[in-house]
């Protein structure tokens, strides 16, 4: 019997919607298998490519929850957008070795 965590399911929905926006820009083609692009920032958004393993981390799931509260499933950048400072995100992702 598998135990499903609701926030992981939410993260997958957000990721699935952000990847299925229909844009096939050159930047989406440079993402290796097992990674995804994410936009981070309060005002100006910066693009990061991180490992999908980050989706299972509780701290990252909290960031996803905040993103859901702010954006719902409508991410203005066309990809997954996290409304936190770059420093907070970089600290979190580097702790888990999630950067590409």
N, C-alpha and C. Protein backbone atom coordinates (compact mmCIF):
# COMPACT_ATOMS: atom_id res chain seq x y z
N UNK A 1 0.85 -1.17 0.00
CA UNK A 1 0.00 0.00 0.00
C UNK A 1 0.90 1.24 0.00
N UNK A 2 0.66 2.12 -0.92
CA UNK A 2 1.47 3.33 -1.04
C UNK A 2 0.82 4.47 -0.26
N UNK A 3 1.66 5.26 0.37
CA UNK A 3 1.18 6.44 1.09
C UNK A 3 1.41 7.64 0.20
N UNK A 4 0.36 8.38 -0.11
CA UNK A 4 0.46 9.55 -0.98
C UNK A 4 0.42 10.80 -0.12
N UNK A 5 1.36 11.68 -0.35
CA UNK A 5 1.38 12.94 0.37
C UNK A 5 0.68 13.99 -0.49
N UNK A 6 -0.33 14.69 0.04
CA UNK A 6 -1.10 15.64 -0.76
C UNK A 6 -0.25 16.73 -1.40
N UNK A 7 0.76 17.21 -0.72
CA UNK A 7 1.56 18.30 -1.29
C UNK A 7 2.40 17.82 -2.46
N UNK A 8 2.84 16.58 -2.44
CA UNK A 8 3.58 16.05 -3.59
C UNK A 8 2.64 15.99 -4.79
N UNK A 9 1.42 15.57 -4.55
CA UNK A 9 0.44 15.53 -5.63
C UNK A 9 0.19 16.93 -6.17
N UNK A 10 0.08 17.92 -5.28
CA UNK A 10 -0.10 19.31 -5.72
C UNK A 10 1.11 19.77 -6.52
N UNK A 11 2.29 19.42 -6.07
CA UNK A 11 3.52 19.82 -6.78
C UNK A 11 3.53 19.23 -8.18
N UNK A 12 3.11 17.99 -8.30
CA UNK A 12 3.07 17.35 -9.61
C UNK A 12 2.07 18.04 -10.52
N UNK A 13 0.91 18.45 -9.98
CA UNK A 13 -0.08 19.17 -10.78
C UNK A 13 0.48 20.49 -11.28
N UNK A 14 1.14 21.22 -10.38
CA UNK A 14 1.72 22.51 -10.77
C UNK A 14 2.77 22.30 -11.85
N UNK A 15 3.65 21.32 -11.65
CA UNK A 15 4.70 21.04 -12.61
C UNK A 15 4.11 20.61 -13.94
N UNK A 16 3.11 19.74 -13.91
CA UNK A 16 2.50 19.24 -15.13
C UNK A 16 1.88 20.39 -15.92
N UNK A 17 1.16 21.28 -15.23
CA UNK A 17 0.55 22.41 -15.91
C UNK A 17 1.60 23.37 -16.46
N UNK A 18 2.67 23.59 -15.71
CA UNK A 18 3.68 24.52 -16.16
C UNK A 18 4.44 23.97 -17.36
N UNK A 19 4.60 22.65 -17.45
CA UNK A 19 5.30 22.06 -18.57
C UNK A 19 4.40 21.89 -19.79
N UNK A 20 3.09 21.92 -19.59
CA UNK A 20 2.18 21.69 -20.70
C UNK A 20 1.56 22.99 -21.22
N UNK A 21 2.28 24.10 -21.11
CA UNK A 21 1.71 25.37 -21.54
C UNK A 21 1.78 25.56 -23.04
N UNK A 22 2.37 24.62 -23.77
CA UNK A 22 2.38 24.69 -25.22
C UNK A 22 3.57 25.42 -25.80
N UNK A 23 4.35 26.07 -25.00
CA UNK A 23 5.53 26.77 -25.51
C UNK A 23 6.66 25.78 -25.69
N UNK A 24 7.23 25.76 -26.87
CA UNK A 24 8.42 24.92 -27.08
C UNK A 24 9.58 25.84 -27.44
N UNK A 25 9.93 26.69 -26.51
CA UNK A 25 11.02 27.62 -26.71
C UNK A 25 12.35 26.91 -26.60
N UNK A 26 13.40 27.47 -27.16
CA UNK A 26 14.71 26.83 -27.05
C UNK A 26 15.14 26.63 -25.60
N UNK A 27 14.72 27.50 -24.69
CA UNK A 27 15.13 27.35 -23.30
C UNK A 27 14.51 26.11 -22.67
N UNK A 28 13.35 25.68 -23.13
CA UNK A 28 12.75 24.48 -22.55
C UNK A 28 13.44 23.22 -23.05
N UNK A 29 14.18 23.32 -24.13
CA UNK A 29 14.85 22.15 -24.69
C UNK A 29 16.19 21.88 -24.02
N UNK A 30 16.73 22.83 -23.26
CA UNK A 30 18.03 22.64 -22.65
C UNK A 30 17.94 22.09 -21.23
N UNK A 31 16.82 21.54 -20.88
CA UNK A 31 16.62 20.97 -19.55
C UNK A 31 16.80 19.46 -19.64
N UNK A 32 17.78 18.91 -18.92
CA UNK A 32 18.00 17.46 -19.00
C UNK A 32 16.91 16.68 -18.28
N UNK A 33 16.80 15.42 -18.62
CA UNK A 33 15.83 14.55 -17.99
C UNK A 33 16.10 14.49 -16.49
N UNK A 34 15.04 14.57 -15.69
CA UNK A 34 15.18 14.53 -14.24
C UNK A 34 15.30 15.91 -13.61
N UNK A 35 15.18 16.94 -14.42
CA UNK A 35 15.26 18.33 -13.95
C UNK A 35 14.08 19.12 -14.49
N UNK A 36 13.82 20.28 -13.90
CA UNK A 36 12.78 21.17 -14.41
C UNK A 36 13.19 22.61 -14.15
N UNK A 37 12.60 23.50 -14.94
CA UNK A 37 12.88 24.92 -14.79
C UNK A 37 11.91 25.53 -13.79
N UNK A 38 12.41 26.47 -13.03
CA UNK A 38 11.59 27.15 -12.04
C UNK A 38 11.99 28.62 -12.02
N UNK A 39 11.02 29.49 -11.86
CA UNK A 39 11.27 30.93 -11.79
C UNK A 39 11.12 31.37 -10.34
N UNK A 40 12.11 32.11 -9.85
CA UNK A 40 12.15 32.48 -8.44
C UNK A 40 12.41 33.98 -8.33
N UNK A 41 11.72 34.61 -7.39
CA UNK A 41 11.98 36.01 -7.10
C UNK A 41 10.73 36.73 -6.67
N UNK A 42 10.94 37.85 -5.99
CA UNK A 42 9.82 38.68 -5.53
C UNK A 42 9.36 39.62 -6.65
N UNK A 43 10.28 40.41 -7.18
CA UNK A 43 9.95 41.36 -8.23
C UNK A 43 10.38 40.82 -9.60
N UNK A 44 11.68 40.73 -9.78
CA UNK A 44 12.24 40.22 -11.01
C UNK A 44 12.51 38.72 -10.84
N UNK A 45 12.01 37.93 -11.76
CA UNK A 45 12.13 36.48 -11.64
C UNK A 45 13.40 35.98 -12.33
N UNK A 46 14.09 35.05 -11.68
CA UNK A 46 15.28 34.43 -12.24
C UNK A 46 14.99 32.95 -12.46
N UNK A 47 15.46 32.42 -13.57
CA UNK A 47 15.21 31.02 -13.94
C UNK A 47 16.31 30.12 -13.39
N UNK A 48 15.89 29.01 -12.76
CA UNK A 48 16.81 28.00 -12.26
C UNK A 48 16.39 26.66 -12.84
N UNK A 49 17.34 25.77 -13.01
CA UNK A 49 17.05 24.40 -13.42
C UNK A 49 17.47 23.51 -12.25
N UNK A 50 16.50 22.79 -11.70
CA UNK A 50 16.73 22.00 -10.50
C UNK A 50 16.23 20.57 -10.68
N UNK A 51 16.71 19.69 -9.83
CA UNK A 51 16.35 18.28 -9.87
C UNK A 51 14.91 18.07 -9.41
N UNK A 52 14.23 17.12 -10.02
CA UNK A 52 12.87 16.79 -9.60
C UNK A 52 12.84 16.21 -8.19
N UNK A 53 13.99 15.75 -7.69
CA UNK A 53 14.04 15.22 -6.32
C UNK A 53 13.68 16.30 -5.30
N UNK A 54 13.83 17.55 -5.69
CA UNK A 54 13.49 18.66 -4.80
C UNK A 54 11.98 18.68 -4.47
N UNK A 55 11.17 18.12 -5.36
CA UNK A 55 9.72 18.10 -5.15
C UNK A 55 9.31 17.33 -3.90
N UNK A 56 10.12 16.40 -3.46
CA UNK A 56 9.75 15.59 -2.29
C UNK A 56 10.21 16.19 -0.97
N UNK A 57 10.94 17.29 -1.01
CA UNK A 57 11.43 17.91 0.22
C UNK A 57 10.34 18.76 0.88
N UNK A 58 10.09 18.57 2.18
CA UNK A 58 9.03 19.29 2.88
C UNK A 58 9.17 20.83 2.80
N UNK A 59 10.39 21.32 2.88
CA UNK A 59 10.58 22.77 2.82
C UNK A 59 10.18 23.31 1.46
N UNK A 60 10.53 22.58 0.40
CA UNK A 60 10.16 23.00 -0.95
C UNK A 60 8.65 22.90 -1.14
N UNK A 61 8.04 21.91 -0.54
CA UNK A 61 6.59 21.77 -0.63
C UNK A 61 5.89 22.97 0.01
N UNK A 62 6.48 23.52 1.07
CA UNK A 62 5.93 24.73 1.69
C UNK A 62 6.00 25.90 0.71
N UNK A 63 7.11 26.02 0.00
CA UNK A 63 7.23 27.07 -1.02
C UNK A 63 6.18 26.89 -2.11
N UNK A 64 5.95 25.65 -2.50
CA UNK A 64 4.91 25.37 -3.50
C UNK A 64 3.53 25.77 -2.99
N UNK A 65 3.30 25.54 -1.71
CA UNK A 65 2.02 25.91 -1.11
C UNK A 65 1.83 27.43 -1.18
N UNK A 66 2.90 28.18 -0.88
CA UNK A 66 2.82 29.65 -0.98
C UNK A 66 2.60 30.09 -2.42
N UNK A 67 3.23 29.40 -3.36
CA UNK A 67 3.04 29.72 -4.78
C UNK A 67 1.59 29.47 -5.19
N UNK A 68 1.03 28.38 -4.69
CA UNK A 68 -0.37 28.07 -5.00
C UNK A 68 -1.30 29.14 -4.44
N UNK A 69 -1.01 29.60 -3.23
CA UNK A 69 -1.84 30.65 -2.63
C UNK A 69 -1.76 31.94 -3.43
N UNK A 70 -0.57 32.27 -3.93
CA UNK A 70 -0.41 33.53 -4.66
C UNK A 70 -0.86 33.45 -6.10
N UNK A 71 -0.51 32.37 -6.81
CA UNK A 71 -0.78 32.27 -8.24
C UNK A 71 -1.86 31.28 -8.61
N UNK A 72 -2.24 30.39 -7.72
CA UNK A 72 -3.13 29.30 -8.10
C UNK A 72 -2.36 28.42 -9.07
N UNK A 73 -3.00 28.04 -10.16
CA UNK A 73 -2.30 27.26 -11.18
C UNK A 73 -1.99 28.12 -12.40
N UNK A 74 -2.15 29.43 -12.28
CA UNK A 74 -1.87 30.35 -13.37
C UNK A 74 -0.53 31.03 -13.10
N UNK A 75 0.53 30.49 -13.65
CA UNK A 75 1.87 31.03 -13.43
C UNK A 75 2.21 31.97 -14.58
N UNK A 76 2.39 33.26 -14.30
CA UNK A 76 2.57 34.27 -15.34
C UNK A 76 3.83 34.08 -16.18
N UNK A 77 4.83 33.41 -15.68
CA UNK A 77 6.07 33.22 -16.43
C UNK A 77 5.96 32.04 -17.41
N UNK A 78 4.87 31.30 -17.36
CA UNK A 78 4.71 30.14 -18.23
C UNK A 78 5.34 28.88 -17.66
N UNK A 79 5.96 29.00 -16.51
CA UNK A 79 6.56 27.86 -15.83
C UNK A 79 6.28 28.00 -14.36
N UNK A 80 6.72 27.05 -13.61
CA UNK A 80 6.52 27.07 -12.16
C UNK A 80 7.21 28.30 -11.58
N UNK A 81 6.46 29.12 -10.83
CA UNK A 81 6.98 30.35 -10.26
C UNK A 81 6.85 30.30 -8.74
N UNK A 82 7.95 30.59 -8.05
CA UNK A 82 7.98 30.58 -6.59
C UNK A 82 8.20 32.01 -6.10
N UNK A 83 7.27 32.55 -5.31
CA UNK A 83 7.40 33.94 -4.83
C UNK A 83 8.22 34.05 -3.55
N UNK A 84 9.51 33.82 -3.65
CA UNK A 84 10.40 33.99 -2.50
C UNK A 84 11.68 34.63 -3.01
N UNK A 85 12.51 35.04 -2.09
CA UNK A 85 13.77 35.66 -2.53
C UNK A 85 14.69 34.61 -3.13
N UNK A 86 15.55 35.05 -4.03
CA UNK A 86 16.50 34.13 -4.65
C UNK A 86 17.41 33.50 -3.61
N UNK A 87 17.78 34.28 -2.60
CA UNK A 87 18.68 33.76 -1.56
C UNK A 87 18.06 32.60 -0.80
N UNK A 88 16.79 32.73 -0.44
CA UNK A 88 16.09 31.66 0.28
C UNK A 88 16.04 30.41 -0.59
N UNK A 89 15.67 30.58 -1.86
CA UNK A 89 15.56 29.43 -2.75
C UNK A 89 16.93 28.78 -2.99
N UNK A 90 17.95 29.60 -3.22
CA UNK A 90 19.29 29.06 -3.48
C UNK A 90 19.82 28.30 -2.26
N UNK A 91 19.54 28.81 -1.06
CA UNK A 91 19.94 28.11 0.15
C UNK A 91 19.26 26.74 0.24
N UNK A 92 17.96 26.73 0.00
CA UNK A 92 17.19 25.49 0.05
C UNK A 92 17.69 24.49 -0.99
N UNK A 93 17.79 24.91 -2.23
CA UNK A 93 18.17 24.00 -3.30
C UNK A 93 19.61 23.50 -3.14
N UNK A 94 20.50 24.36 -2.65
CA UNK A 94 21.88 23.93 -2.49
C UNK A 94 22.03 22.93 -1.34
N UNK A 95 21.18 23.06 -0.31
CA UNK A 95 21.20 22.08 0.79
C UNK A 95 20.93 20.66 0.29
N UNK A 96 20.08 20.57 -0.73
CA UNK A 96 19.69 19.26 -1.26
C UNK A 96 20.44 18.90 -2.54
N UNK A 97 21.38 19.73 -2.94
CA UNK A 97 22.16 19.46 -4.16
C UNK A 97 21.28 19.38 -5.38
N UNK A 98 20.29 20.26 -5.49
CA UNK A 98 19.28 20.15 -6.53
C UNK A 98 19.60 20.94 -7.80
N UNK A 99 20.66 21.73 -7.82
CA UNK A 99 20.96 22.54 -9.00
C UNK A 99 21.57 21.70 -10.11
N UNK A 100 21.28 22.11 -11.32
CA UNK A 100 21.87 21.47 -12.51
C UNK A 100 23.19 22.13 -12.82
